[in-house]
Amino acid sequence: MANPTSRHSKSRRNKRRANWKVDAPSLSTCTNCQEPKMPHRVCPSCGTYKGRKVLEIAE
């Protein structure tokens, strides 16, 4: 198995890692309470999904 013969510099290593950015999660608004939520998931504030009450949220 081949092994590197010489060490790569820090700048060369960091150039390779330049695209490791974390994207912000996409958010949609709840149709019931207009709070931001993740798409295709139950709303954490009111407990509805696609207009139906799915979870009972204790306030």
C-alpha atoms as a PDB file:
ATOM      1  CA  MET A   1       0.000   0.000   0.000  1.00  0.00           C
ATOM      2  CA  ALA A   2       1.353   3.409  -0.940  1.00  0.00           C
ATOM      3  CA  ASN A   3       2.294   5.847   1.791  1.00  0.00           C
ATOM      4  CA  PRO A   4       3.018   9.562   1.375  1.00  0.00           C
ATOM      5  CA  THR A   5       6.735  10.179   1.006  1.00  0.00           C
ATOM      6  CA  SER A   6       6.675  13.807   2.116  1.00  0.00           C
ATOM      7  CA  ARG A   7       4.544  15.776   4.496  1.00  0.00           C
ATOM      8  CA  HIS A   8       1.907  18.177   3.166  1.00  0.00           C
ATOM      9  CA  SER A   9       2.069  21.719   4.494  1.00  0.00           C
ATOM     10  CA  LYS A  10      -0.603  23.255   6.731  1.00  0.00           C
ATOM     11  CA  SER A  11      -1.776  25.555   3.947  1.00  0.00           C
ATOM     12  CA  ARG A  12      -2.226  22.636   1.574  1.00  0.00           C
ATOM     13  CA  ARG A  13      -4.183  20.715   4.201  1.00  0.00           C
ATOM     14  CA  ASN A  14      -6.356  23.753   4.965  1.00  0.00           C
ATOM     15  CA  LYS A  15      -7.085  24.327   1.270  1.00  0.00           C
ATOM     16  CA  ARG A  16      -8.515  20.826   1.100  1.00  0.00           C
ATOM     17  CA  ARG A  17     -10.680  21.466   4.168  1.00  0.00           C
ATOM     18  CA  ALA A  18     -11.934  24.855   2.945  1.00  0.00           C
ATOM     19  CA  ASN A  19     -15.320  23.426   1.889  1.00  0.00           C
ATOM     20  CA  TRP A  20     -16.239  21.750   5.192  1.00  0.00           C
ATOM     21  CA  LYS A  21     -18.756  24.484   5.967  1.00  0.00           C
ATOM     22  CA  VAL A  22     -21.938  23.709   7.862  1.00  0.00           C
ATOM     23  CA  ASP A  23     -25.122  24.857   6.141  1.00  0.00           C
ATOM     24  CA  ALA A  24     -27.897  26.498   8.105  1.00  0.00           C
ATOM     25  CA  PRO A  25     -30.940  24.216   8.359  1.00  0.00           C
ATOM     26  CA  SER A  26     -33.795  25.045   6.025  1.00  0.00           C
ATOM     27  CA  LEU A  27     -36.895  26.231   7.844  1.00  0.00           C
ATOM     28  CA  SER A  28     -40.510  26.487   6.814  1.00  0.00           C
ATOM     29  CA  THR A  29     -43.400  28.120   8.640  1.00  0.00           C
ATOM     30  CA  CYS A  30     -46.132  26.154  10.373  1.00  0.00           C
ATOM     31  CA  THR A  31     -49.499  26.569   8.669  1.00  0.00           C
ATOM     32  CA  ASN A  32     -51.289  26.553  12.027  1.00  0.00           C
ATOM     33  CA  CYS A  33     -49.213  28.843  14.269  1.00  0.00           C
ATOM     34  CA  GLN A  34     -46.726  30.428  11.782  1.00  0.00           C
ATOM     35  CA  GLU A  35     -43.727  29.402  13.908  1.00  0.00           C
ATOM     36  CA  PRO A  36     -40.536  28.277  12.110  1.00  0.00           C
ATOM     37  CA  LYS A  37     -40.109  24.495  11.919  1.00  0.00           C
ATOM     38  CA  MET A  38     -38.103  21.926  10.002  1.00  0.00           C
ATOM     39  CA  PRO A  39     -39.837  20.797   6.802  1.00  0.00           C
ATOM     40  CA  HIS A  40     -41.657  17.423   6.806  1.00  0.00           C
ATOM     41  CA  ARG A  41     -41.731  17.305  10.613  1.00  0.00           C
ATOM     42  CA  VAL A  42     -44.278  17.890  13.349  1.00  0.00           C
ATOM     43  CA  CYS A  43     -44.377  21.483  14.586  1.00  0.00           C
ATOM     44  CA  PRO A  44     -42.705  21.553  18.016  1.00  0.00           C
ATOM     45  CA  SER A  45     -44.761  24.504  19.239  1.00  0.00           C
ATOM     46  CA  CYS A  46     -48.321  23.411  18.377  1.00  0.00           C
ATOM     47  CA  GLY A  47     -47.966  19.701  17.493  1.00  0.00           C
ATOM     48  CA  THR A  48     -49.630  19.736  14.062  1.00  0.00           C
ATOM     49  CA  TYR A  49     -48.517  18.100  10.829  1.00  0.00           C
ATOM     50  CA  LYS A  50     -50.205  18.770   7.464  1.00  0.00           C
ATOM     51  CA  GLY A  51     -53.115  20.482   9.216  1.00  0.00           C
ATOM     52  CA  ARG A  52     -53.830  17.583  11.615  1.00  0.00           C
ATOM     53  CA  LYS A  53     -53.218  17.549  15.368  1.00  0.00           C
ATOM     54  CA  VAL A  54     -50.599  14.831  15.921  1.00  0.00           C
ATOM     55  CA  LEU A  55     -49.002  15.592  19.289  1.00  0.00           C
ATOM     56  CA  GLU A  56     -50.480  16.928  22.485  1.00  0.00           C
ATOM     57  CA  ILE A  57     -48.206  19.745  23.646  1.00  0.00           C
ATOM     58  CA  ALA A  58     -48.298  20.570  27.367  1.00  0.00           C
ATOM     59  CA  GLU A  59     -47.965  24.299  28.006  1.00  0.00           C
END
